[in-house]
Amino acid sequence: MTVNWILVGTIAAPIIALFVGAALDRILERKPKVISYLGHVSAFTLTNPPGTSIYTHAIVVKNTGRRPATNVCLSHLFLPDNFNLAPSVAHQVLRRPDGSADIVLPTLVPGEQVTVSYLYFPPITWAQINSTVKHQDGFAKILTVFPTPVPAPWVVRSYLALVLLGTISLLYLIAEVAKWLWSLR
């Protein structure tokens, strides 16, 4: 039995094109992608007046997408009176009677990053302040950040070259095994 490769190609090409097109659409889609992560948490004990404690932490919000994110809302279970946005951007604070509040940024352009730093006193802790981060198109992705060393560019390029070489070798091996299995028939 011979395989009609033209028929196989005619059937396989649209299916492969469908998956490649869907993957490219997902990669190149122009939409805002907002991420947020905890920048730092610190506690200070003052010497004057002695024994006074002050807590501080920061939340970083960034638009890594290809379109501006609008109405970025940082929700808080409790918003301290002392907070700072860096860089200084236009924002609105919406406080509610129960102590919760929202900081609303009208827009975050692609690549823009804002750090919100908080200063507060015990018994409040950093875990009792922030709630969610969302924007007009959905919720922000909350990242858990670990400090890692950045490899040199030549190491990254070498790694990618080895991955490409391995992929090509694997595809060649699969084709050779398929030819060998086909010859056994």
Protein backbone atom coordinates (compact mmCIF):
# COMPACT_ATOMS: atom_id res chain seq x y z
CA MET A 1 0.00 0.00 0.00
CA THR A 2 1.44 3.35 -1.00
CA VAL A 3 0.74 6.56 0.83
CA ASN A 4 -0.73 9.40 -1.18
CA TRP A 5 1.38 12.22 0.27
CA ILE A 6 -0.53 14.85 -1.68
CA LEU A 7 -3.75 13.79 0.03
CA VAL A 8 -2.04 13.71 3.45
CA GLY A 9 -0.59 17.19 2.85
CA THR A 10 -3.95 18.51 1.65
CA ILE A 11 -5.61 17.31 4.85
CA ALA A 12 -2.77 18.16 7.26
CA ALA A 13 -1.91 21.65 5.98
CA PRO A 14 -5.16 23.38 7.08
CA ILE A 15 -5.06 21.66 10.47
CA ILE A 16 -1.46 22.69 11.08
CA ALA A 17 -2.23 26.23 9.83
CA LEU A 18 -5.15 26.42 12.28
CA PHE A 19 -2.92 25.65 15.28
CA VAL A 20 -0.09 27.90 14.08
CA GLY A 21 -2.55 30.75 13.46
CA ALA A 22 -4.13 30.34 16.88
CA ALA A 23 -0.69 30.36 18.54
CA LEU A 24 0.41 33.46 16.61
CA ASP A 25 -2.86 35.24 17.43
CA ARG A 26 -2.34 34.51 21.12
CA ILE A 27 1.27 35.72 21.03
CA LEU A 28 0.67 38.87 18.97
CA GLU A 29 -2.72 39.85 20.42
CA ARG A 30 -2.92 43.55 21.16
CA LYS A 31 -4.39 43.81 24.64
CA PRO A 32 -3.33 45.13 28.01
CA LYS A 33 -1.58 42.65 30.30
CA VAL A 34 -1.30 43.98 33.83
CA ILE A 35 0.99 42.29 36.33
CA SER A 36 1.50 43.06 40.00
CA TYR A 37 3.97 41.92 42.63
CA LEU A 38 5.12 42.70 46.13
CA GLY A 39 8.16 44.97 45.92
CA HIS A 40 9.36 44.84 49.54
CA VAL A 41 8.21 44.54 53.14
CA SER A 42 10.11 46.34 55.92
CA ALA A 43 9.77 47.11 59.62
CA PHE A 44 11.59 49.87 61.49
CA THR A 45 11.95 50.46 65.22
CA LEU A 46 12.63 54.12 65.91
CA THR A 47 15.12 55.30 68.51
CA ASN A 48 13.31 58.58 69.07
CA PRO A 49 10.71 58.04 70.53
CA PRO A 50 12.12 54.70 71.68
CA GLY A 51 10.24 51.52 70.85
CA THR A 52 8.01 53.04 68.18
CA SER A 53 7.55 50.68 65.23
CA ILE A 54 6.79 51.65 61.66
CA TYR A 55 5.97 49.22 58.85
CA THR A 56 6.31 49.76 55.14
CA HIS A 57 5.79 47.75 51.96
CA ALA A 58 5.42 48.39 48.24
CA ILE A 59 3.28 46.96 45.45
CA VAL A 60 4.45 47.23 41.84
CA VAL A 61 1.89 47.38 39.02
CA LYS A 62 3.02 47.18 35.38
CA ASN A 63 1.33 46.96 31.98
CA THR A 64 3.34 44.43 29.95
CA GLY A 65 0.75 44.32 27.15
CA ARG A 66 0.55 46.04 23.78
CA ARG A 67 -2.45 48.30 24.54
CA PRO A 68 -3.08 50.81 27.33
CA ALA A 69 -4.80 49.43 30.43
CA THR A 70 -7.62 51.69 31.55
CA ASN A 71 -9.21 52.14 34.98
CA VAL A 72 -6.52 50.18 36.83
CA CYS A 73 -7.97 49.64 40.30
CA LEU A 74 -5.82 48.69 43.29
CA SER A 75 -8.30 47.50 45.92
CA HIS A 76 -7.43 47.64 49.61
CA LEU A 77 -8.94 46.00 52.66
CA PHE A 78 -7.47 48.94 54.57
CA LEU A 79 -5.73 51.93 52.96
CA PRO A 80 -3.27 53.73 55.27
CA ASP A 81 -3.26 57.51 55.25
CA ASN A 82 0.41 57.53 54.23
CA PHE A 83 1.07 56.12 50.78
CA ASN A 84 3.05 57.29 47.77
CA LEU A 85 2.93 56.55 44.04
CA ALA A 86 6.24 56.58 42.16
CA PRO A 87 6.50 57.94 39.62
CA SER A 88 3.82 60.42 40.52
CA VAL A 89 0.84 59.68 38.26
CA ALA A 90 -2.73 60.90 38.13
CA HIS A 91 -4.91 58.79 40.40
CA GLN A 92 -8.12 58.88 42.38
CA VAL A 93 -8.73 57.49 45.87
CA LEU A 94 -12.19 56.08 46.54
CA ARG A 95 -12.63 55.47 50.29
CA ARG A 96 -15.53 53.52 51.78
CA PRO A 97 -16.95 53.85 55.32
CA ASP A 98 -15.65 50.39 56.38
CA GLY A 99 -12.01 51.51 55.88
CA SER A 100 -11.53 49.76 52.55
CA ALA A 101 -10.56 51.85 49.56
CA ASP A 102 -9.47 51.80 45.94
CA ILE A 103 -6.67 53.64 44.19
CA VAL A 104 -7.75 54.10 40.57
CA LEU A 105 -5.22 54.91 37.85
CA PRO A 106 -6.99 56.22 34.73
CA THR A 107 -4.51 54.57 32.37
CA LEU A 108 -1.26 52.62 32.25
CA VAL A 109 0.38 52.79 28.84
CA PRO A 110 2.30 49.73 27.54
CA GLY A 111 5.50 49.30 29.52
CA GLU A 112 4.48 51.76 32.26
CA GLN A 113 5.20 50.73 35.83
CA VAL A 114 3.95 52.32 39.04
CA THR A 115 5.16 51.50 42.54
CA VAL A 116 2.78 52.18 45.43
CA SER A 117 4.59 52.46 48.78
CA TYR A 118 2.71 52.29 52.07
CA LEU A 119 3.70 53.53 55.55
CA TYR A 120 1.66 52.37 58.58
CA PHE A 121 1.83 51.42 62.25
CA PRO A 122 1.18 48.19 64.20
CA PRO A 123 -1.04 46.24 64.67
CA ILE A 124 -1.72 46.50 60.89
CA THR A 125 0.52 44.24 58.77
CA TRP A 126 1.16 44.24 55.03
CA ALA A 127 -1.13 41.22 54.52
CA GLN A 128 -4.10 43.23 55.86
CA ILE A 129 -3.80 46.06 53.34
CA ASN A 130 -3.89 44.97 49.68
CA SER A 131 -6.73 43.03 48.12
CA THR A 132 -6.88 42.81 44.30
CA VAL A 133 -5.59 44.59 41.23
CA LYS A 134 -7.88 44.79 38.22
CA HIS A 135 -8.45 46.87 35.12
CA GLN A 136 -11.21 47.41 32.60
CA ASP A 137 -10.35 44.21 30.70
CA GLY A 138 -9.87 41.87 33.68
CA PHE A 139 -7.71 41.06 36.67
CA ALA A 140 -3.97 41.60 36.94
CA LYS A 141 -1.72 38.58 37.13
CA ILE A 142 -0.15 38.46 40.59
CA LEU A 143 3.47 37.31 40.42
CA THR A 144 5.59 35.73 43.10
CA VAL A 145 9.00 37.25 42.51
CA PHE A 146 12.28 35.58 43.45
CA PRO A 147 15.60 37.36 42.94
CA THR A 148 17.59 35.48 40.30
CA PRO A 149 20.82 36.30 38.49
CA VAL A 150 20.44 37.32 34.85
CA PRO A 151 22.65 35.22 32.55
CA ALA A 152 24.95 36.91 30.08
CA PRO A 153 23.51 37.42 26.58
CA TRP A 154 25.98 34.93 25.05
CA VAL A 155 24.75 32.25 27.48
CA VAL A 156 21.13 32.86 26.44
CA ARG A 157 22.03 32.77 22.73
CA SER A 158 24.03 29.55 23.22
CA TYR A 159 21.13 27.96 25.06
CA LEU A 160 18.70 28.91 22.28
CA ALA A 161 21.07 27.56 19.62
CA LEU A 162 21.32 24.24 21.48
CA VAL A 163 17.53 24.06 21.85
CA LEU A 164 17.12 24.71 18.11
CA LEU A 165 19.76 22.08 17.25
CA GLY A 166 18.05 19.57 19.55
CA THR A 167 14.64 20.26 18.02
CA ILE A 168 15.95 19.80 14.48
CA SER A 169 17.72 16.58 15.51
CA LEU A 170 14.57 15.25 17.18
CA LEU A 171 12.44 15.99 14.11
CA TYR A 172 15.02 14.27 11.90
CA LEU A 173 15.06 11.24 14.20
CA ILE A 174 11.27 11.03 14.14
CA ALA A 175 11.28 11.18 10.32
CA GLU A 176 13.94 8.46 10.09
CA VAL A 177 12.06 6.18 12.51
CA ALA A 178 8.86 6.73 10.56
CA LYS A 179 10.65 5.84 7.29
CA TRP A 180 12.16 2.74 8.91
CA LEU A 181 8.79 1.61 10.30
CA TRP A 182 7.19 2.22 6.92
CA SER A 183 9.83 0.10 5.18
CA LEU A 184 9.03 -2.84 7.50
CA ARG A 185 5.52 -3.12 6.05
